[in-house]
Amino acid sequence: MENKMNQPIADSGLHVFQGPHHIVNVPSTTVGLSTLPVKDHVLWSLFNFVYCNFCCLGFLALIFSVKSRDRKVVGDNYGAEHYSSTSKTLNIAATFLSILVFVILFGLLVAGVIRIHPR
């Protein structure tokens, strides 16, 4: 006598569950990667322009941030991402170089190389 485990699935009585096949069209929504919002870094650029404007990098970052925002309004996501990337790079450079200059000046002040009040 054969074991039920060795029988094919078609013979095990599953044909009872096979009913009429209905095709149902369900509307779907597809979201592409281009619909994600592009960051324009305007606030960071404005902060760098006012406080950390090392060699006008903050000003340049602000210009590219505004260009990125304009491209985003027009609907050109590729151009907005390009200008946003440039703005982010300039913001990183401006922030890093400004902090570096501050740390060097503070270190020279503490070491006594630079004096605020002459003796």
PDB file of N, CA and C in Angstrom:
ATOM      1  N   MET A   1       0.832  -1.159   0.000  1.00  0.00           N
ATOM      2  CA  MET A   1       0.000   0.000   0.000  1.00  0.00           C
ATOM      3  C   MET A   1       0.891   1.240   0.000  1.00  0.00           C
ATOM      4  N   GLU A   2       0.553   2.198  -0.855  1.00  0.00           N
ATOM      5  CA  GLU A   2       1.352   3.413  -0.974  1.00  0.00           C
ATOM      6  C   GLU A   2       0.978   4.392   0.109  1.00  0.00           C
ATOM      7  N   ASN A   3       1.963   5.135   0.519  1.00  0.00           N
ATOM      8  CA  ASN A   3       1.765   6.172   1.517  1.00  0.00           C
ATOM      9  C   ASN A   3       1.138   7.399   0.847  1.00  0.00           C
ATOM     10  N   LYS A   4       0.312   8.162   1.569  1.00  0.00           N
ATOM     11  CA  LYS A   4      -0.317   9.343   0.996  1.00  0.00           C
ATOM     12  C   LYS A   4       0.714  10.438   0.708  1.00  0.00           C
ATOM     13  N   MET A   5       1.830  10.413   1.361  1.00  0.00           N
ATOM     14  CA  MET A   5       2.870  11.414   1.145  1.00  0.00           C
ATOM     15  C   MET A   5       3.511  11.256  -0.232  1.00  0.00           C
ATOM     16  N   ASN A   6       3.484  10.060  -0.778  1.00  0.00           N
ATOM     17  CA  ASN A   6       4.103   9.805  -2.068  1.00  0.00           C
ATOM     18  C   ASN A   6       3.158  10.078  -3.235  1.00  0.00           C
ATOM     19  N   GLN A   7       1.897  10.358  -2.977  1.00  0.00           N
ATOM     20  CA  GLN A   7       0.947  10.592  -4.047  1.00  0.00           C
ATOM     21  C   GLN A   7       1.124  12.007  -4.602  1.00  0.00           C
ATOM     22  N   PRO A   8       0.923  12.170  -5.889  1.00  0.00           N
ATOM     23  CA  PRO A   8       0.995  13.515  -6.460  1.00  0.00           C
ATOM     24  C   PRO A   8      -0.111  14.402  -5.902  1.00  0.00           C
ATOM     25  N   ILE A   9       0.130  15.708  -5.933  1.00  0.00           N
ATOM     26  CA  ILE A   9      -0.826  16.656  -5.373  1.00  0.00           C
ATOM     27  C   ILE A   9      -2.131  16.636  -6.167  1.00  0.00           C
ATOM     28  N   ALA A  10      -2.058  16.427  -7.467  1.00  0.00           N
ATOM     29  CA  ALA A  10      -3.273  16.427  -8.293  1.00  0.00           C
ATOM     30  C   ALA A  10      -4.226  15.314  -7.885  1.00  0.00           C
ATOM     31  N   ASP A  11      -3.720  14.235  -7.358  1.00  0.00           N
ATOM     32  CA  ASP A  11      -4.578  13.125  -6.977  1.00  0.00           C
ATOM     33  C   ASP A  11      -5.104  13.248  -5.557  1.00  0.00           C
ATOM     34  N   SER A  12      -4.682  14.245  -4.823  1.00  0.00           N
ATOM     35  CA  SER A  12      -5.061  14.312  -3.416  1.00  0.00           C
ATOM     36  C   SER A  12      -6.386  15.020  -3.176  1.00  0.00           C
ATOM     37  N   GLY A  13      -7.119  15.356  -4.194  1.00  0.00           N
ATOM     38  CA  GLY A  13      -8.442  15.928  -4.018  1.00  0.00           C
ATOM     39  C   GLY A  13      -8.465  17.441  -4.047  1.00  0.00           C
ATOM     40  N   LEU A  14      -7.422  18.073  -4.546  1.00  0.00           N
ATOM     41  CA  LEU A  14      -7.398  19.527  -4.606  1.00  0.00           C
ATOM     42  C   LEU A  14      -8.213  20.064  -5.771  1.00  0.00           C
ATOM     43  N   HIS A  15      -8.652  19.196  -6.645  1.00  0.00           N
ATOM     44  CA  HIS A  15      -9.457  19.643  -7.780  1.00  0.00           C
ATOM     45  C   HIS A  15     -10.804  20.193  -7.319  1.00  0.00           C
ATOM     46  N   VAL A  16     -11.207  19.932  -6.100  1.00  0.00           N
ATOM     47  CA  VAL A  16     -12.465  20.441  -5.564  1.00  0.00           C
ATOM     48  C   VAL A  16     -12.394  21.965  -5.439  1.00  0.00           C
ATOM     49  N   PHE A  17     -11.198  22.506  -5.158  1.00  0.00           N
ATOM     50  CA  PHE A  17     -11.041  23.937  -4.935  1.00  0.00           C
ATOM     51  C   PHE A  17     -10.863  24.729  -6.225  1.00  0.00           C
ATOM     52  N   GLN A  18     -10.755  24.043  -7.332  1.00  0.00           N
ATOM     53  CA  GLN A  18     -10.581  24.739  -8.593  1.00  0.00           C
ATOM     54  C   GLN A  18     -11.936  25.166  -9.113  1.00  0.00           C
ATOM     55  N   GLY A  19     -12.226  26.442  -8.976  1.00  0.00           N
ATOM     56  CA  GLY A  19     -13.510  26.965  -9.422  1.00  0.00           C
ATOM     57  C   GLY A  19     -13.297  27.794 -10.669  1.00  0.00           C
ATOM     58  N   PRO A  20     -14.311  28.546 -11.053  1.00  0.00           N
ATOM     59  CA  PRO A  20     -14.172  29.413 -12.224  1.00  0.00           C
ATOM     60  C   PRO A  20     -13.154  30.518 -11.929  1.00  0.00           C
ATOM     61  N   HIS A  21     -12.369  30.819 -12.933  1.00  0.00           N
ATOM     62  CA  HIS A  21     -11.332  31.834 -12.773  1.00  0.00           C
ATOM     63  C   HIS A  21     -11.877  33.191 -13.197  1.00  0.00           C
ATOM     64  N   HIS A  22     -11.775  34.160 -12.313  1.00  0.00           N
ATOM     65  CA  HIS A  22     -12.211  35.520 -12.604  1.00  0.00           C
ATOM     66  C   HIS A  22     -10.981  36.423 -12.637  1.00  0.00           C
ATOM     67  N   ILE A  23     -10.928  37.240 -13.650  1.00  0.00           N
ATOM     68  CA  ILE A  23      -9.829  38.201 -13.750  1.00  0.00           C
ATOM     69  C   ILE A  23     -10.368  39.549 -13.293  1.00  0.00           C
ATOM     70  N   VAL A  24      -9.742  40.096 -12.288  1.00  0.00           N
ATOM     71  CA  VAL A  24     -10.178  41.376 -11.742  1.00  0.00           C
ATOM     72  C   VAL A  24      -9.083  42.396 -12.019  1.00  0.00           C
ATOM     73  N   ASN A  25      -9.439  43.479 -12.676  1.00  0.00           N
ATOM     74  CA  ASN A  25      -8.485  44.552 -12.931  1.00  0.00           C
ATOM     75  C   ASN A  25      -8.515  45.524 -11.760  1.00  0.00           C
ATOM     76  N   VAL A  26      -7.408  45.600 -11.063  1.00  0.00           N
ATOM     77  CA  VAL A  26      -7.292  46.498  -9.926  1.00  0.00           C
ATOM     78  C   VAL A  26      -6.399  47.663 -10.336  1.00  0.00           C
ATOM     79  N   PRO A  27      -6.877  48.894 -10.203  1.00  0.00           N
ATOM     80  CA  PRO A  27      -6.024  50.034 -10.556  1.00  0.00           C
ATOM     81  C   PRO A  27      -4.852  50.134  -9.591  1.00  0.00           C
ATOM     82  N   SER A  28      -3.706  50.471 -10.122  1.00  0.00           N
ATOM     83  CA  SER A  28      -2.522  50.578  -9.277  1.00  0.00           C
ATOM     84  C   SER A  28      -1.840  51.915  -9.520  1.00  0.00           C
ATOM     85  N   THR A  29      -1.058  52.321  -8.549  1.00  0.00           N
ATOM     86  CA  THR A  29      -0.304  53.564  -8.637  1.00  0.00           C
ATOM     87  C   THR A  29       1.179  53.227  -8.578  1.00  0.00           C
ATOM     88  N   THR A  30       1.927  53.772  -9.503  1.00  0.00           N
ATOM     89  CA  THR A  30       3.361  53.539  -9.538  1.00  0.00           C
ATOM     90  C   THR A  30       4.079  54.835  -9.198  1.00  0.00           C
ATOM     91  N   VAL A  31       4.987  54.756  -8.233  1.00  0.00           N
ATOM     92  CA  VAL A  31       5.762  55.921  -7.835  1.00  0.00           C
ATOM     93  C   VAL A  31       7.194  55.699  -8.289  1.00  0.00           C
ATOM     94  N   GLY A  32       7.685  56.604  -9.108  1.00  0.00           N
ATOM     95  CA  GLY A  32       9.056  56.504  -9.585  1.00  0.00           C
ATOM     96  C   GLY A  32      10.009  57.235  -8.653  1.00  0.00           C
ATOM     97  N   LEU A  33      11.288  57.034  -8.846  1.00  0.00           N
ATOM     98  CA  LEU A  33      12.290  57.690  -8.025  1.00  0.00           C
ATOM     99  C   LEU A  33      12.382  59.182  -8.319  1.00  0.00           C
ATOM    100  N   SER A  34      11.942  59.603  -9.485  1.00  0.00           N
ATOM    101  CA  SER A  34      12.059  61.011  -9.839  1.00  0.00           C
ATOM    102  C   SER A  34      11.038  61.873  -9.114  1.00  0.00           C
ATOM    103  N   THR A  35      10.046  61.281  -8.450  1.00  0.00           N
ATOM    104  CA  THR A  35       9.054  62.074  -7.749  1.00  0.00           C
ATOM    105  C   THR A  35       9.462  62.395  -6.324  1.00  0.00           C
ATOM    106  N   LEU A  36      10.600  61.893  -5.869  1.00  0.00           N
ATOM    107  CA  LEU A  36      11.063  62.214  -4.533  1.00  0.00           C
ATOM    108  C   LEU A  36      11.492  63.674  -4.486  1.00  0.00           C
ATOM    109  N   PRO A  37      11.238  64.355  -3.372  1.00  0.00           N
ATOM    110  CA  PRO A  37      11.600  65.772  -3.304  1.00  0.00           C
ATOM    111  C   PRO A  37      13.118  65.964  -3.291  1.00  0.00           C
ATOM    112  N   VAL A  38      13.541  67.037  -3.923  1.00  0.00           N
ATOM    113  CA  VAL A  38      14.961  67.372  -3.994  1.00  0.00           C
ATOM    114  C   VAL A  38      15.243  68.420  -2.927  1.00  0.00           C
ATOM    115  N   LYS A  39      16.238  68.180  -2.101  1.00  0.00           N
ATOM    116  CA  LYS A  39      16.618  69.163  -1.079  1.00  0.00           C
ATOM    117  C   LYS A  39      17.436  70.260  -1.745  1.00  0.00           C
ATOM    118  N   ASP A  40      17.095  71.507  -1.449  1.00  0.00           N
ATOM    119  CA  ASP A  40      17.812  72.605  -2.086  1.00  0.00           C
ATOM    120  C   ASP A  40      18.817  73.279  -1.150  1.00  0.00           C
ATOM    121  N   HIS A  41      18.823  72.976   0.117  1.00  0.00           N
ATOM    122  CA  HIS A  41      19.812  73.456   1.098  1.00  0.00           C
ATOM    123  C   HIS A  41      19.863  74.982   1.196  1.00  0.00           C
ATOM    124  N   VAL A  42      18.708  75.648   1.073  1.00  0.00           N
ATOM    125  CA  VAL A  42      18.695  77.112   1.102  1.00  0.00           C
ATOM    126  C   VAL A  42      19.031  77.643   2.494  1.00  0.00           C
ATOM    127  N   LEU A  43      18.482  77.045   3.543  1.00  0.00           N
ATOM    128  CA  LEU A  43      18.760  77.546   4.893  1.00  0.00           C
ATOM    129  C   LEU A  43      20.222  77.376   5.268  1.00  0.00           C
ATOM    130  N   TRP A  44      20.809  76.244   4.937  1.00  0.00           N
ATOM    131  CA  TRP A  44      22.224  76.007   5.216  1.00  0.00           C
ATOM    132  C   TRP A  44      23.083  76.999   4.431  1.00  0.00           C
ATOM    133  N   SER A  45      22.711  77.257   3.191  1.00  0.00           N
ATOM    134  CA  SER A  45      23.450  78.207   2.362  1.00  0.00           C
ATOM    135  C   SER A  45      23.322  79.623   2.912  1.00  0.00           C
ATOM    136  N   LEU A  46      22.140  79.973   3.374  1.00  0.00           N
ATOM    137  CA  LEU A  46      21.942  81.298   3.951  1.00  0.00           C
ATOM    138  C   LEU A  46      22.757  81.462   5.231  1.00  0.00           C
ATOM    139  N   PHE A  47      22.793  80.424   6.063  1.00  0.00           N
ATOM    140  CA  PHE A  47      23.621  80.454   7.272  1.00  0.00           C
ATOM    141  C   PHE A  47      25.095  80.621   6.909  1.00  0.00           C
ATOM    142  N   ASN A  48      25.562  79.854   5.929  1.00  0.00           N
ATOM    143  CA  ASN A  48      26.958  79.973   5.515  1.00  0.00           C
ATOM    144  C   ASN A  48      27.256  81.335   4.897  1.00  0.00           C
ATOM    145  N   PHE A  49      26.302  81.896   4.181  1.00  0.00           N
ATOM    146  CA  PHE A  49      26.497  83.213   3.575  1.00  0.00           C
ATOM    147  C   PHE A  49      26.639  84.294   4.652  1.00  0.00           C
ATOM    148  N   VAL A  50      25.844  84.201   5.715  1.00  0.00           N
ATOM    149  CA  VAL A  50      25.860  85.228   6.751  1.00  0.00           C
ATOM    150  C   VAL A  50      27.004  85.014   7.737  1.00  0.00           C
ATOM    151  N   TYR A  51      27.236  83.770   8.173  1.00  0.00           N
ATOM    152  CA  TYR A  51      28.177  83.526   9.259  1.00  0.00           C
ATOM    153  C   TYR A  51      29.490  82.872   8.830  1.00  0.00           C
ATOM    154  N   CYS A  52      29.477  82.023   7.843  1.00  0.00           N
ATOM    155  CA  CYS A  52      30.665  81.239   7.487  1.00  0.00           C
ATOM    156  C   CYS A  52      31.049  81.466   6.032  1.00  0.00           C
ATOM    157  N   ASN A  53      31.129  82.694   5.615  1.00  0.00           N
ATOM    158  CA  ASN A  53      31.358  82.994   4.200  1.00  0.00           C
ATOM    159  C   ASN A  53      32.857  82.974   3.891  1.00  0.00           C
ATOM    160  N   PHE A  54      33.467  81.818   3.999  1.00  0.00           N
ATOM    161  CA  PHE A  54      34.897  81.659   3.746  1.00  0.00           C
ATOM    162  C   PHE A  54      35.151  81.726   2.244  1.00  0.00           C
ATOM    163  N   CYS A  55      35.889  82.732   1.818  1.00  0.00           N
ATOM    164  CA  CYS A  55      36.237  82.940   0.399  1.00  0.00           C
ATOM    165  C   CYS A  55      35.001  82.934  -0.503  1.00  0.00           C
ATOM    166  N   CYS A  56      33.909  83.475  -0.032  1.00  0.00           N
ATOM    167  CA  CYS A  56      32.646  83.586  -0.771  1.00  0.00           C
ATOM    168  C   CYS A  56      32.025  82.233  -1.128  1.00  0.00           C
ATOM    169  N   LEU A  57      32.421  81.172  -0.457  1.00  0.00           N
ATOM    170  CA  LEU A  57      31.815  79.869  -0.734  1.00  0.00           C
ATOM    171  C   LEU A  57      30.360  79.836  -0.287  1.00  0.00           C
ATOM    172  N   GLY A  58      30.034  80.532   0.797  1.00  0.00           N
ATOM    173  CA  GLY A  58      28.645  80.597   1.253  1.00  0.00           C
ATOM    174  C   GLY A  58      27.760  81.316   0.250  1.00  0.00           C
ATOM    175  N   PHE A  59      28.292  82.368  -0.374  1.00  0.00           N
ATOM    176  CA  PHE A  59      27.542  83.097  -1.392  1.00  0.00           C
ATOM    177  C   PHE A  59      27.303  82.224  -2.623  1.00  0.00           C
ATOM    178  N   LEU A  60      28.335  81.509  -3.041  1.00  0.00           N
ATOM    179  CA  LEU A  60      28.179  80.603  -4.190  1.00  0.00           C
ATOM    180  C   LEU A  60      27.185  79.483  -3.877  1.00  0.00           C
ATOM    181  N   ALA A  61      27.241  78.957  -2.657  1.00  0.00           N
ATOM    182  CA  ALA A  61      26.292  77.909  -2.266  1.00  0.00           C
ATOM    183  C   ALA A  61      24.862  78.442  -2.281  1.00  0.00           C
ATOM    184  N   LEU A  62      24.684  79.706  -1.862  1.00  0.00           N
ATOM    185  CA  LEU A  62      23.355  80.307  -1.890  1.00  0.00           C
ATOM    186  C   LEU A  62      22.847  80.469  -3.320  1.00  0.00           C
ATOM    187  N   ILE A  63      23.730  80.847  -4.224  1.00  0.00           N
ATOM    188  CA  ILE A  63      23.337  80.976  -5.636  1.00  0.00           C
ATOM    189  C   ILE A  63      22.880  79.634  -6.195  1.00  0.00           C
ATOM    190  N   PHE A  64      23.647  78.574  -5.935  1.00  0.00           N
ATOM    191  CA  PHE A  64      23.274  77.254  -6.456  1.00  0.00           C
ATOM    192  C   PHE A  64      22.015  76.716  -5.771  1.00  0.00           C
ATOM    193  N   SER A  65      21.792  77.076  -4.508  1.00  0.00           N
ATOM    194  CA  SER A  65      20.570  76.656  -3.826  1.00  0.00           C
ATOM    195  C   SER A  65      19.344  77.302  -4.452  1.00  0.00           C
ATOM    196  N   VAL A  66      19.462  78.587  -4.785  1.00  0.00           N
ATOM    197  CA  VAL A  66      18.337  79.278  -5.425  1.00  0.00           C
ATOM    198  C   VAL A  66      18.100  78.706  -6.822  1.00  0.00           C
ATOM    199  N   LYS A  67      19.179  78.391  -7.549  1.00  0.00           N
ATOM    200  CA  LYS A  67      19.021  77.760  -8.864  1.00  0.00           C
ATOM    201  C   LYS A  67      18.338  76.397  -8.736  1.00  0.00           C
ATOM    202  N   SER A  68      18.695  75.650  -7.695  1.00  0.00           N
ATOM    203  CA  SER A  68      18.079  74.345  -7.470  1.00  0.00           C
ATOM    204  C   SER A  68      16.583  74.499  -7.174  1.00  0.00           C
ATOM    205  N   ARG A  69      16.249  75.491  -6.371  1.00  0.00           N
ATOM    206  CA  ARG A  69      14.834  75.723  -6.059  1.00  0.00           C
ATOM    207  C   ARG A  69      14.063  76.131  -7.309  1.00  0.00           C
ATOM    208  N   ASP A  70      14.669  76.964  -8.147  1.00  0.00           N
ATOM    209  CA  ASP A  70      14.013  77.374  -9.394  1.00  0.00           C
ATOM    210  C   ASP A  70      13.790  76.190 -10.323  1.00  0.00           C
ATOM    211  N   ARG A  71      14.788  75.320 -10.453  1.00  0.00           N
ATOM    212  CA  ARG A  71      14.643  74.130 -11.304  1.00  0.00           C
ATOM    213  C   ARG A  71      13.567  73.207 -10.759  1.00  0.00           C
ATOM    214  N   LYS A  72      13.461  73.117  -9.437  1.00  0.00           N
ATOM    215  CA  LYS A  72      12.448  72.257  -8.827  1.00  0.00           C
ATOM    216  C   LYS A  72      11.053  72.799  -9.109  1.00  0.00           C
ATOM    217  N   VAL A  73      10.882  74.115  -9.077  1.00  0.00           N
ATOM    218  CA  VAL A  73       9.581  74.716  -9.354  1.00  0.00           C
ATOM    219  C   VAL A  73       9.173  74.487 -10.803  1.00  0.00           C
ATOM    220  N   VAL A  74      10.146  74.569 -11.711  1.00  0.00           N
ATOM    221  CA  VAL A  74       9.868  74.370 -13.128  1.00  0.00           C
ATOM    222  C   VAL A  74       9.523  72.908 -13.417  1.00  0.00           C
ATOM    223  N   GLY A  75      10.056  71.985 -12.607  1.00  0.00           N
ATOM    224  CA  GLY A  75       9.794  70.565 -12.815  1.00  0.00           C
ATOM    225  C   GLY A  75      10.981  69.802 -13.356  1.00  0.00           C
ATOM    226  N   ASP A  76      12.124  70.458 -13.462  1.00  0.00           N
ATOM    227  CA  ASP A  76      13.347  69.823 -13.955  1.00  0.00           C
ATOM    228  C   ASP A  76      14.077  69.184 -12.773  1.00  0.00           C
ATOM    229  N   ASN A  77      13.742  67.938 -12.458  1.00  0.00           N
ATOM    230  CA  ASN A  77      14.341  67.272 -11.306  1.00  0.00           C
ATOM    231  C   ASN A  77      15.826  66.983 -11.505  1.00  0.00           C
ATOM    232  N   TYR A  78      16.222  66.677 -12.732  1.00  0.00           N
ATOM    233  CA  TYR A  78      17.638  66.402 -12.983  1.00  0.00           C
ATOM    234  C   TYR A  78      18.482  67.653 -12.729  1.00  0.00           C
ATOM    235  N   GLY A  79      18.044  68.790 -13.248  1.00  0.00           N
ATOM    236  CA  GLY A  79      18.767  70.045 -13.022  1.00  0.00           C
ATOM    237  C   GLY A  79      18.756  70.439 -11.560  1.00  0.00           C
ATOM    238  N   ALA A  80      17.626  70.219 -10.881  1.00  0.00           N
ATOM    239  CA  ALA A  80      17.522  70.544  -9.456  1.00  0.00           C
ATOM    240  C   ALA A  80      18.480  69.690  -8.635  1.00  0.00           C
ATOM    241  N   GLU A  81      18.590  68.400  -8.973  1.00  0.00           N
ATOM    242  CA  GLU A  81      19.526  67.531  -8.253  1.00  0.00           C
ATOM    243  C   GLU A  81      20.971  67.947  -8.504  1.00  0.00           C
ATOM    244  N   HIS A  82      21.275  68.357  -9.708  1.00  0.00           N
ATOM    245  CA  HIS A  82      22.638  68.785 -10.044  1.00  0.00           C
ATOM    246  C   HIS A  82      23.017  70.039  -9.249  1.00  0.00           C
ATOM    247  N   TYR A  83      22.159  71.045  -9.269  1.00  0.00           N
ATOM    248  CA  TYR A  83      22.445  72.273  -8.530  1.00  0.00           C
ATOM    249  C   TYR A  83      22.440  72.026  -7.025  1.00  0.00           C
ATOM    250  N   SER A  84      21.573  71.146  -6.560  1.00  0.00           N
ATOM    251  CA  SER A  84      21.524  70.814  -5.136  1.00  0.00           C
ATOM    252  C   SER A  84      22.809  70.131  -4.687  1.00  0.00           C
ATOM    253  N   SER A  85      23.320  69.241  -5.518  1.00  0.00           N
ATOM    254  CA  SER A  85      24.576  68.559  -5.196  1.00  0.00           C
ATOM    255  C   SER A  85      25.742  69.548  -5.128  1.00  0.00           C
ATOM    256  N   THR A  86      25.780  70.480  -6.064  1.00  0.00           N
ATOM    257  CA  THR A  86      26.837  71.496  -6.055  1.00  0.00           C
ATOM    258  C   THR A  86      26.712  72.382  -4.824  1.00  0.00           C
ATOM    259  N   SER A  87      25.493  72.755  -4.481  1.00  0.00           N
ATOM    260  CA  SER A  87      25.257  73.578  -3.297  1.00  0.00           C
ATOM    261  C   SER A  87      25.680  72.850  -2.024  1.00  0.00           C
ATOM    262  N   LYS A  88      25.372  71.572  -1.941  1.00  0.00           N
ATOM    263  CA  LYS A  88      25.750  70.789  -0.764  1.00  0.00           C
ATOM    264  C   LYS A  88      27.263  70.708  -0.633  1.00  0.00           C
ATOM    265  N   THR A  89      27.959  70.494  -1.744  1.00  0.00           N
ATOM    266  CA  THR A  89      29.418  70.420  -1.716  1.00  0.00           C
ATOM    267  C   THR A  89      30.018  71.753  -1.272  1.00  0.00           C
ATOM    268  N   LEU A  90      29.502  72.852  -1.799  1.00  0.00           N
ATOM    269  CA  LEU A  90      30.004  74.162  -1.409  1.00  0.00           C
ATOM    270  C   LEU A  90      29.691  74.469   0.047  1.00  0.00           C
ATOM    271  N   ASN A  91      28.531  74.055   0.521  1.00  0.00           N
ATOM    272  CA  ASN A  91      28.182  74.257   1.929  1.00  0.00           C
ATOM    273  C   ASN A  91      29.105  73.465   2.849  1.00  0.00           C
ATOM    274  N   ILE A  92      29.410  72.240   2.478  1.00  0.00           N
ATOM    275  CA  ILE A  92      30.324  71.425   3.291  1.00  0.00           C
ATOM    276  C   ILE A  92      31.697  72.080   3.337  1.00  0.00           C
ATOM    277  N   ALA A  93      32.180  72.537   2.192  1.00  0.00           N
ATOM    278  CA  ALA A  93      33.495  73.175   2.136  1.00  0.00           C
ATOM    279  C   ALA A  93      33.519  74.460   2.956  1.00  0.00           C
ATOM    280  N   ALA A  94      32.486  75.294   2.822  1.00  0.00           N
ATOM    281  CA  ALA A  94      32.438  76.555   3.558  1.00  0.00           C
ATOM    282  C   ALA A  94      32.367  76.317   5.064  1.00  0.00           C
ATOM    283  N   THR A  95      31.545  75.373   5.482  1.00  0.00           N
ATOM    284  CA  THR A  95      31.416  75.078   6.909  1.00  0.00           C
ATOM    285  C   THR A  95      32.724  74.520   7.467  1.00  0.00           C
ATOM    286  N   PHE A  96      33.306  73.566   6.778  1.00  0.00           N
ATOM    287  CA  PHE A  96      34.543  72.946   7.254  1.00  0.00           C
ATOM    288  C   PHE A  96      35.683  73.956   7.319  1.00  0.00           C
ATOM    289  N   LEU A  97      35.873  74.747   6.276  1.00  0.00           N
ATOM    290  CA  LEU A  97      36.979  75.703   6.261  1.00  0.00           C
ATOM    291  C   LEU A  97      36.784  76.815   7.286  1.00  0.00           C
ATOM    292  N   SER A  98      35.556  77.251   7.497  1.00  0.00           N
ATOM    293  CA  SER A  98      35.301  78.283   8.504  1.00  0.00           C
ATOM    294  C   SER A  98      35.572  77.765   9.910  1.00  0.00           C
ATOM    295  N   ILE A  99      35.151  76.543  10.184  1.00  0.00           N
ATOM    296  CA  ILE A  99      35.433  75.953  11.497  1.00  0.00           C
ATOM    297  C   ILE A  99      36.933  75.739  11.675  1.00  0.00           C
ATOM    298  N   LEU A 100      37.607  75.314  10.617  1.00  0.00           N
ATOM    299  CA  LEU A 100      39.055  75.105  10.686  1.00  0.00           C
ATOM    300  C   LEU A 100      39.791  76.410  10.983  1.00  0.00           C
ATOM    301  N   VAL A 101      39.411  77.508  10.327  1.00  0.00           N
ATOM    302  CA  VAL A 101      40.044  78.804  10.579  1.00  0.00           C
ATOM    303  C   VAL A 101      39.776  79.242  12.015  1.00  0.00           C
ATOM    304  N   PHE A 102      38.554  79.049  12.501  1.00  0.00           N
ATOM    305  CA  PHE A 102      38.230  79.412  13.877  1.00  0.00           C
ATOM    306  C   PHE A 102      39.076  78.621  14.869  1.00  0.00           C
ATOM    307  N   VAL A 103      39.213  77.330  14.650  1.00  0.00           N
ATOM    308  CA  VAL A 103      39.997  76.486  15.566  1.00  0.00           C
ATOM    309  C   VAL A 103      41.474  76.892  15.536  1.00  0.00           C
ATOM    310  N   ILE A 104      42.013  77.183  14.363  1.00  0.00           N
ATOM    311  CA  ILE A 104      43.419  77.598  14.260  1.00  0.00           C
ATOM    312  C   ILE A 104      43.625  78.933  14.972  1.00  0.00           C
ATOM    313  N   LEU A 105      42.734  79.891  14.750  1.00  0.00           N
ATOM    314  CA  LEU A 105      42.873  81.188  15.422  1.00  0.00           C
ATOM    315  C   LEU A 105      42.732  81.055  16.937  1.00  0.00           C
ATOM    316  N   PHE A 106      41.807  80.237  17.377  1.00  0.00           N
ATOM    317  CA  PHE A 106      41.651  80.013  18.813  1.00  0.00           C
ATOM    318  C   PHE A 106      42.890  79.341  19.399  1.00  0.00           C
ATOM    319  N   GLY A 107      43.450  78.377  18.676  1.00  0.00           N
ATOM    320  CA  GLY A 107      44.673  77.716  19.143  1.00  0.00           C
ATOM    321  C   GLY A 107      45.854  78.677  19.219  1.00  0.00           C
ATOM    322  N   LEU A 108      45.981  79.557  18.236  1.00  0.00           N
ATOM    323  CA  LEU A 108      47.059  80.551  18.265  1.00  0.00           C
ATOM    324  C   LEU A 108      46.844  81.560  19.393  1.00  0.00           C
ATOM    325  N   LEU A 109      45.612  81.892  19.707  1.00  0.00           N
ATOM    326  CA  LEU A 109      45.307  82.799  20.802  1.00  0.00           C
ATOM    327  C   LEU A 109      45.653  82.167  22.137  1.00  0.00           C
ATOM    328  N   VAL A 110      45.308  80.890  22.309  1.00  0.00           N
ATOM    329  CA  VAL A 110      45.615  80.185  23.555  1.00  0.00           C
ATOM    330  C   VAL A 110      47.119  79.984  23.701  1.00  0.00           C
ATOM    331  N   ALA A 111      47.817  79.723  22.610  1.00  0.00           N
ATOM    332  CA  ALA A 111      49.267  79.502  22.668  1.00  0.00           C
ATOM    333  C   ALA A 111      50.036  80.793  22.916  1.00  0.00           C
ATOM    334  N   GLY A 112      49.398  81.918  22.727  1.00  0.00           N
ATOM    335  CA  GLY A 112      50.063  83.188  22.981  1.00  0.00           C
ATOM    336  C   GLY A 112      50.726  83.788  21.742  1.00  0.00           C
ATOM    337  N   VAL A 113      50.571  83.179  20.614  1.00  0.00           N
ATOM    338  CA  VAL A 113      51.136  83.702  19.385  1.00  0.00           C
ATOM    339  C   VAL A 113      50.404  84.983  18.963  1.00  0.00           C
ATOM    340  N   ILE A 114      49.097  84.981  19.160  1.00  0.00           N
ATOM    341  CA  ILE A 114      48.274  86.159  18.859  1.00  0.00           C
ATOM    342  C   ILE A 114      47.838  86.761  20.197  1.00  0.00           C
ATOM    343  N   ARG A 115      47.978  88.100  20.297  1.00  0.00           N
ATOM    344  CA  ARG A 115      47.544  88.783  21.510  1.00  0.00           C
ATOM    345  C   ARG A 115      46.468  89.777  21.163  1.00  0.00           C
ATOM    346  N   ILE A 116      45.440  89.811  22.016  1.00  0.00           N
ATOM    347  CA  ILE A 116      44.342  90.747  21.779  1.00  0.00           C
ATOM    348  C   ILE A 116      44.732  92.136  22.275  1.00  0.00           C
ATOM    349  N   HIS A 117      45.291  92.226  23.476  1.00  0.00           N
ATOM    350  CA  HIS A 117      45.714  93.491  24.054  1.00  0.00           C
ATOM    351  C   HIS A 117      47.238  93.553  24.055  1.00  0.00           C
ATOM    352  N   PRO A 118      47.808  94.560  23.395  1.00  0.00           N
ATOM    353  CA  PRO A 118      49.280  94.647  23.399  1.00  0.00           C
ATOM    354  C   PRO A 118      49.785  95.065  24.772  1.00  0.00           C
ATOM    355  N   ARG A 119      50.980  94.585  25.144  1.00  0.00           N
ATOM    356  CA  ARG A 119      51.547  94.897  26.458  1.00  0.00           C
ATOM    357  C   ARG A 119      52.542  95.974  26.358  1.00  0.00           C
TER     358      ARG A 119
END
